[in-house]
């Protein structure tokens, strides 16, 4: 629910907030479900940024989450762009939602 509040505060139109919340929930769920094989405490970072014409989410995990399953299809169908990269030992999923001013 906090994602809806953050999206609203950053000027995301109401008709796109659900898309942001849906993709973020799926991304975090996938990291938890597929990225961790032990019971240790892990960190998932989520960065939300406003660009002039977009809201950008970057969920990042410190572990070995692998992109697979229906989440990628969901991200590509709902977000305006979705990309995944592994950099400096970390996974980074970037979701971009266009915002028309």
C-alpha atoms as a PDB file:
ATOM      1  CA  UNK A   1       0.000   0.000   0.000  1.00  0.00           C
ATOM      2  CA  UNK A   2       2.914   2.356   0.635  1.00  0.00           C
ATOM      3  CA  UNK A   3       3.768   2.168  -3.075  1.00  0.00           C
ATOM      4  CA  UNK A   4       0.417   3.756  -3.917  1.00  0.00           C
ATOM      5  CA  UNK A   5       1.115   6.600  -1.491  1.00  0.00           C
ATOM      6  CA  UNK A   6       4.649   7.158  -2.810  1.00  0.00           C
ATOM      7  CA  UNK A   7       3.420   7.078  -6.418  1.00  0.00           C
ATOM      8  CA  UNK A   8       0.719   9.642  -5.583  1.00  0.00           C
ATOM      9  CA  UNK A   9       3.216  11.895  -3.770  1.00  0.00           C
ATOM     10  CA  UNK A  10       5.510  11.785  -6.796  1.00  0.00           C
ATOM     11  CA  UNK A  11       2.726  12.887  -9.128  1.00  0.00           C
ATOM     12  CA  UNK A  12       1.834   9.544 -10.665  1.00  0.00           C
ATOM     13  CA  UNK A  13      -1.680   9.723 -12.125  1.00  0.00           C
ATOM     14  CA  UNK A  14      -4.322   7.605 -10.415  1.00  0.00           C
ATOM     15  CA  UNK A  15      -4.796   5.378 -13.473  1.00  0.00           C
ATOM     16  CA  UNK A  16      -1.098   4.283 -13.324  1.00  0.00           C
ATOM     17  CA  UNK A  17      -0.750   3.795  -9.549  1.00  0.00           C
ATOM     18  CA  UNK A  18      -2.289   0.326  -9.636  1.00  0.00           C
ATOM     19  CA  UNK A  19       0.237  -0.704 -12.319  1.00  0.00           C
ATOM     20  CA  UNK A  20       3.091   0.508 -10.113  1.00  0.00           C
ATOM     21  CA  UNK A  21       1.749  -1.324  -7.049  1.00  0.00           C
ATOM     22  CA  UNK A  22       1.057  -4.542  -8.990  1.00  0.00           C
ATOM     23  CA  UNK A  23       4.537  -4.694 -10.536  1.00  0.00           C
ATOM     24  CA  UNK A  24       6.281  -3.826  -7.295  1.00  0.00           C
ATOM     25  CA  UNK A  25       4.373  -6.500  -5.367  1.00  0.00           C
ATOM     26  CA  UNK A  26       5.235  -9.092  -8.032  1.00  0.00           C
ATOM     27  CA  UNK A  27       8.913  -8.087  -8.111  1.00  0.00           C
ATOM     28  CA  UNK A  28       9.345  -8.270  -4.339  1.00  0.00           C
ATOM     29  CA  UNK A  29       7.398 -11.530  -4.186  1.00  0.00           C
ATOM     30  CA  UNK A  30       9.663 -13.036  -6.845  1.00  0.00           C
ATOM     31  CA  UNK A  31      12.808 -11.959  -5.021  1.00  0.00           C
ATOM     32  CA  UNK A  32      11.555 -13.517  -1.791  1.00  0.00           C
ATOM     33  CA  UNK A  33      10.255 -16.691  -3.428  1.00  0.00           C
ATOM     34  CA  UNK A  34      13.111 -17.385  -5.839  1.00  0.00           C
ATOM     35  CA  UNK A  35      16.093 -15.464  -4.538  1.00  0.00           C
ATOM     36  CA  UNK A  36      16.599 -16.899  -1.087  1.00  0.00           C
ATOM     37  CA  UNK A  37      17.396 -20.501  -0.209  1.00  0.00           C
ATOM     38  CA  UNK A  38      18.035 -20.050   3.507  1.00  0.00           C
ATOM     39  CA  UNK A  39      16.332 -18.634   6.578  1.00  0.00           C
ATOM     40  CA  UNK A  40      18.795 -15.782   7.082  1.00  0.00           C
ATOM     41  CA  UNK A  41      17.745 -12.139   7.090  1.00  0.00           C
ATOM     42  CA  UNK A  42      18.137 -10.519   3.673  1.00  0.00           C
ATOM     43  CA  UNK A  43      17.784  -7.015   2.348  1.00  0.00           C
ATOM     44  CA  UNK A  44      15.671  -5.913  -0.588  1.00  0.00           C
ATOM     45  CA  UNK A  45      16.111  -2.289  -1.603  1.00  0.00           C
ATOM     46  CA  UNK A  46      13.495  -0.412  -3.558  1.00  0.00           C
ATOM     47  CA  UNK A  47      14.315   2.931  -5.081  1.00  0.00           C
ATOM     48  CA  UNK A  48      11.521   5.093  -6.457  1.00  0.00           C
ATOM     49  CA  UNK A  49      12.431   8.133  -8.516  1.00  0.00           C
ATOM     50  CA  UNK A  50      10.483  10.707 -10.483  1.00  0.00           C
ATOM     51  CA  UNK A  51      11.821  11.703 -13.864  1.00  0.00           C
ATOM     52  CA  UNK A  52      10.203  14.477 -15.883  1.00  0.00           C
ATOM     53  CA  UNK A  53       7.989  12.032 -17.820  1.00  0.00           C
ATOM     54  CA  UNK A  54       8.186   8.803 -15.781  1.00  0.00           C
ATOM     55  CA  UNK A  55       8.114   7.126 -12.408  1.00  0.00           C
ATOM     56  CA  UNK A  56      11.018   4.678 -12.087  1.00  0.00           C
ATOM     57  CA  UNK A  57      11.190   1.733  -9.669  1.00  0.00           C
ATOM     58  CA  UNK A  58      14.351  -0.235  -8.971  1.00  0.00           C
ATOM     59  CA  UNK A  59      13.940  -3.283  -6.707  1.00  0.00           C
ATOM     60  CA  UNK A  60      17.395  -4.597  -5.834  1.00  0.00           C
ATOM     61  CA  UNK A  61      18.394  -7.708  -3.975  1.00  0.00           C
ATOM     62  CA  UNK A  62      21.777  -8.708  -2.627  1.00  0.00           C
ATOM     63  CA  UNK A  63      21.280 -12.377  -3.470  1.00  0.00           C
ATOM     64  CA  UNK A  64      20.998 -14.572  -6.543  1.00  0.00           C
ATOM     65  CA  UNK A  65      17.439 -13.963  -7.753  1.00  0.00           C
ATOM     66  CA  UNK A  66      16.998 -15.234 -11.281  1.00  0.00           C
ATOM     67  CA  UNK A  67      14.470 -13.669 -13.694  1.00  0.00           C
ATOM     68  CA  UNK A  68      11.946 -16.387 -14.639  1.00  0.00           C
ATOM     69  CA  UNK A  69       8.263 -17.212 -14.665  1.00  0.00           C
ATOM     70  CA  UNK A  70       5.269 -14.993 -15.310  1.00  0.00           C
ATOM     71  CA  UNK A  71       6.606 -11.929 -13.517  1.00  0.00           C
ATOM     72  CA  UNK A  72       8.660 -10.829 -16.509  1.00  0.00           C
ATOM     73  CA  UNK A  73       5.612 -11.100 -18.775  1.00  0.00           C
ATOM     74  CA  UNK A  74       3.589  -9.070 -16.268  1.00  0.00           C
ATOM     75  CA  UNK A  75       6.257  -6.358 -16.052  1.00  0.00           C
ATOM     76  CA  UNK A  76       6.472  -6.079 -19.830  1.00  0.00           C
ATOM     77  CA  UNK A  77       2.695  -5.905 -20.280  1.00  0.00           C
ATOM     78  CA  UNK A  78       2.026  -3.352 -17.516  1.00  0.00           C
ATOM     79  CA  UNK A  79       5.156  -1.185 -17.243  1.00  0.00           C
ATOM     80  CA  UNK A  80       6.240   0.947 -20.191  1.00  0.00           C
ATOM     81  CA  UNK A  81       9.680  -0.615 -19.985  1.00  0.00           C
ATOM     82  CA  UNK A  82      11.326  -3.296 -17.880  1.00  0.00           C
ATOM     83  CA  UNK A  83      14.984  -4.250 -17.737  1.00  0.00           C
ATOM     84  CA  UNK A  84      17.084  -6.562 -15.597  1.00  0.00           C
ATOM     85  CA  UNK A  85      20.812  -6.515 -14.985  1.00  0.00           C
ATOM     86  CA  UNK A  86      23.340  -7.975 -12.593  1.00  0.00           C
ATOM     87  CA  UNK A  87      25.963  -5.409 -11.612  1.00  0.00           C
ATOM     88  CA  UNK A  88      28.553  -5.392  -8.838  1.00  0.00           C
ATOM     89  CA  UNK A  89      27.169  -8.598  -7.358  1.00  0.00           C
ATOM     90  CA  UNK A  90      23.615  -7.275  -7.163  1.00  0.00           C
ATOM     91  CA  UNK A  91      20.464  -7.864  -9.157  1.00  0.00           C
ATOM     92  CA  UNK A  92      18.605  -4.822 -10.402  1.00  0.00           C
ATOM     93  CA  UNK A  93      15.149  -4.732 -11.952  1.00  0.00           C
ATOM     94  CA  UNK A  94      14.175  -1.370 -13.397  1.00  0.00           C
ATOM     95  CA  UNK A  95      10.519  -0.646 -14.178  1.00  0.00           C
ATOM     96  CA  UNK A  96       9.539   2.594 -15.889  1.00  0.00           C
ATOM     97  CA  UNK A  97       5.966   3.974 -15.925  1.00  0.00           C
ATOM     98  CA  UNK A  98       5.312   6.877 -18.272  1.00  0.00           C
ATOM     99  CA  UNK A  99       3.590   9.877 -16.749  1.00  0.00           C
ATOM    100  CA  UNK A 100       2.026  12.388 -19.036  1.00  0.00           C
ATOM    101  CA  UNK A 101       1.992  15.827 -17.424  1.00  0.00           C
END
